Amino acid sequence: MVEVTLWGSLSTVAGGKAKHDIEAKDIRELFRKLAEQYPGIEPWIDRGIAVAIDGTIYRDTWSKELPPEAEIFLLPRLAGG
């Protein structure tokens, strides 16, 4: 189980909560489970969400494993390289 913190606009479509405990082994599973629980998140996932794991930002690495004790934030996807 990992604790995930959502940015303001995303937390609004996720029941108004900023922090969520999710049973997920990687980013792909995290997005899938969030979309199952909160269907309003799916359009945001389709547009692109960045995931920060212990301060490192991942944009397209959906197979990245989520360490159980990691600090995980979902952020709006930023343009650039």
Protein backbone atom coordinates (compact mmCIF):
# COMPACT_ATOMS: atom_id res chain seq x y z
CA MET A 1 0.00 0.00 0.00
CA VAL A 2 1.25 3.48 -0.87
CA GLU A 3 0.09 6.91 0.22
CA VAL A 4 -0.43 9.23 -2.74
CA THR A 5 -0.87 13.00 -2.54
CA LEU A 6 -2.91 14.68 -5.29
CA TRP A 7 -2.65 18.30 -6.40
CA GLY A 8 -5.67 20.56 -5.74
CA SER A 9 -7.65 20.19 -8.99
CA LEU A 10 -7.16 16.44 -9.03
CA SER A 11 -8.18 16.05 -5.40
CA THR A 12 -11.47 17.80 -6.25
CA VAL A 13 -12.47 14.93 -8.57
CA ALA A 14 -11.21 12.36 -6.05
CA GLY A 15 -13.74 12.99 -3.33
CA GLY A 16 -12.10 16.20 -2.11
CA LYS A 17 -9.27 14.33 -0.39
CA ALA A 18 -5.65 15.21 -1.11
CA LYS A 19 -4.18 11.97 0.32
CA HIS A 20 -5.20 8.45 -0.67
CA ASP A 21 -3.94 5.02 0.37
CA ILE A 22 -3.83 2.78 -2.70
CA GLU A 23 -2.72 -0.83 -3.08
CA ALA A 24 -0.53 -0.59 -6.21
CA LYS A 25 2.84 -1.99 -7.26
CA ASP A 26 3.59 0.42 -10.12
CA ILE A 27 2.37 3.67 -11.69
CA ARG A 28 0.14 1.85 -14.21
CA GLU A 29 -1.71 0.01 -11.45
CA LEU A 30 -1.95 3.22 -9.40
CA PHE A 31 -3.63 5.06 -12.29
CA ARG A 32 -5.96 2.12 -12.99
CA LYS A 33 -7.09 1.85 -9.37
CA LEU A 34 -7.58 5.60 -9.01
CA ALA A 35 -9.69 5.63 -12.21
CA GLU A 36 -11.79 2.71 -10.90
CA GLN A 37 -12.46 4.49 -7.58
CA TYR A 38 -12.84 7.99 -9.04
CA PRO A 39 -13.95 7.94 -12.71
CA GLY A 40 -13.51 11.74 -12.90
CA ILE A 41 -9.74 11.21 -12.75
CA GLU A 42 -9.58 9.31 -16.04
CA PRO A 43 -9.64 12.42 -18.31
CA TRP A 44 -6.75 13.85 -16.29
CA ILE A 45 -4.77 10.63 -16.74
CA ASP A 46 -5.47 10.74 -20.48
CA ARG A 47 -4.15 14.34 -20.64
CA GLY A 48 -1.04 13.39 -18.71
CA ILE A 49 -0.05 13.25 -15.08
CA ALA A 50 3.48 13.34 -13.73
CA VAL A 51 4.34 11.20 -10.73
CA ALA A 52 6.98 12.31 -8.24
CA ILE A 53 8.50 9.46 -6.24
CA ASP A 54 10.83 10.63 -3.50
CA GLY A 55 11.50 13.83 -5.46
CA THR A 56 12.16 12.24 -8.86
CA ILE A 57 9.54 13.05 -11.51
CA TYR A 58 8.33 10.36 -13.92
CA ARG A 59 6.22 11.31 -16.94
CA ASP A 60 5.86 8.21 -19.10
CA THR A 61 7.39 5.45 -17.01
CA TRP A 62 4.18 3.62 -16.13
CA SER A 63 6.07 0.45 -15.17
CA LYS A 64 8.05 2.28 -12.45
CA GLU A 65 7.63 0.42 -9.17
CA LEU A 66 6.21 2.25 -6.16
CA PRO A 67 8.25 1.62 -3.01
CA PRO A 68 5.88 1.13 -0.04
CA GLU A 69 7.38 3.90 2.09
CA ALA A 70 8.02 6.37 -0.74
CA GLU A 71 6.73 9.93 -0.83
CA ILE A 72 4.43 9.96 -3.90
CA PHE A 73 2.79 13.00 -5.45
CA LEU A 74 0.64 13.25 -8.58
CA LEU A 75 1.30 16.51 -10.43
CA PRO A 76 0.06 18.20 -13.58
CA ARG A 77 2.24 17.15 -16.48
CA LEU A 78 4.67 19.89 -17.43
CA ALA A 79 5.92 20.54 -20.94
CA GLY A 80 9.60 20.38 -21.59
CA GLY A 81 12.44 17.92 -21.55
